[in-house]
C-alpha atoms as a PDB file:
ATOM      1  CA  ARG A   1       0.069  -0.207  -0.053  1.00  0.00           C
ATOM      2  CA  LYS A   2       1.281   3.118  -0.798  1.00  0.00           C
ATOM      3  CA  LEU A   3      -0.901   5.052   2.070  1.00  0.00           C
ATOM      4  CA  LYS A   4       1.542   4.848   5.732  1.00  0.00           C
ATOM      5  CA  VAL A   5       0.299   3.689   8.960  1.00  0.00           C
ATOM      6  CA  TYR A   6      -1.432   6.869  10.494  1.00  0.00           C
ATOM      7  CA  PRO A   7      -1.671   6.532  14.483  1.00  0.00           C
ATOM      8  CA  GLY A   8      -5.242   7.568  14.998  1.00  0.00           C
ATOM      9  CA  PRO A   9      -8.842   6.617  13.015  1.00  0.00           C
ATOM     10  CA  GLU A  10      -8.469   9.079  10.099  1.00  0.00           C
ATOM     11  CA  HIS A  11      -6.955   7.811   6.830  1.00  0.00           C
ATOM     12  CA  PRO A  12      -4.256   9.870   5.796  1.00  0.00           C
ATOM     13  CA  HIS A  13      -6.138  10.973   2.765  1.00  0.00           C
ATOM     14  CA  GLN A  14      -9.178  12.120   4.948  1.00  0.00           C
ATOM     15  CA  ALA A  15      -6.890  14.441   6.947  1.00  0.00           C
ATOM     16  CA  GLN A  16      -5.743  16.238   3.875  1.00  0.00           C
ATOM     17  CA  ASN A  17      -8.945  16.005   2.210  1.00  0.00           C
ATOM     18  CA  PRO A  18     -11.950  15.815   5.190  1.00  0.00           C
ATOM     19  CA  LEU A  19     -15.298  14.848   2.964  1.00  0.00           C
ATOM     20  CA  PRO A  20     -18.096  13.262   4.138  1.00  0.00           C
ATOM     21  CA  LEU A  21     -17.415   9.948   3.326  1.00  0.00           C
ATOM     22  CA  SER A  22     -19.970   8.679   6.163  1.00  0.00           C
ATOM     23  CA  LEU A  23     -22.729   9.196   4.343  1.00  0.00           C
END
């Protein structure tokens, strides 16, 4: 995977682009 493991429930993509994915 290109995405690194971040210490948190939020993904690196979601951190940079906070989009309503939980709809």
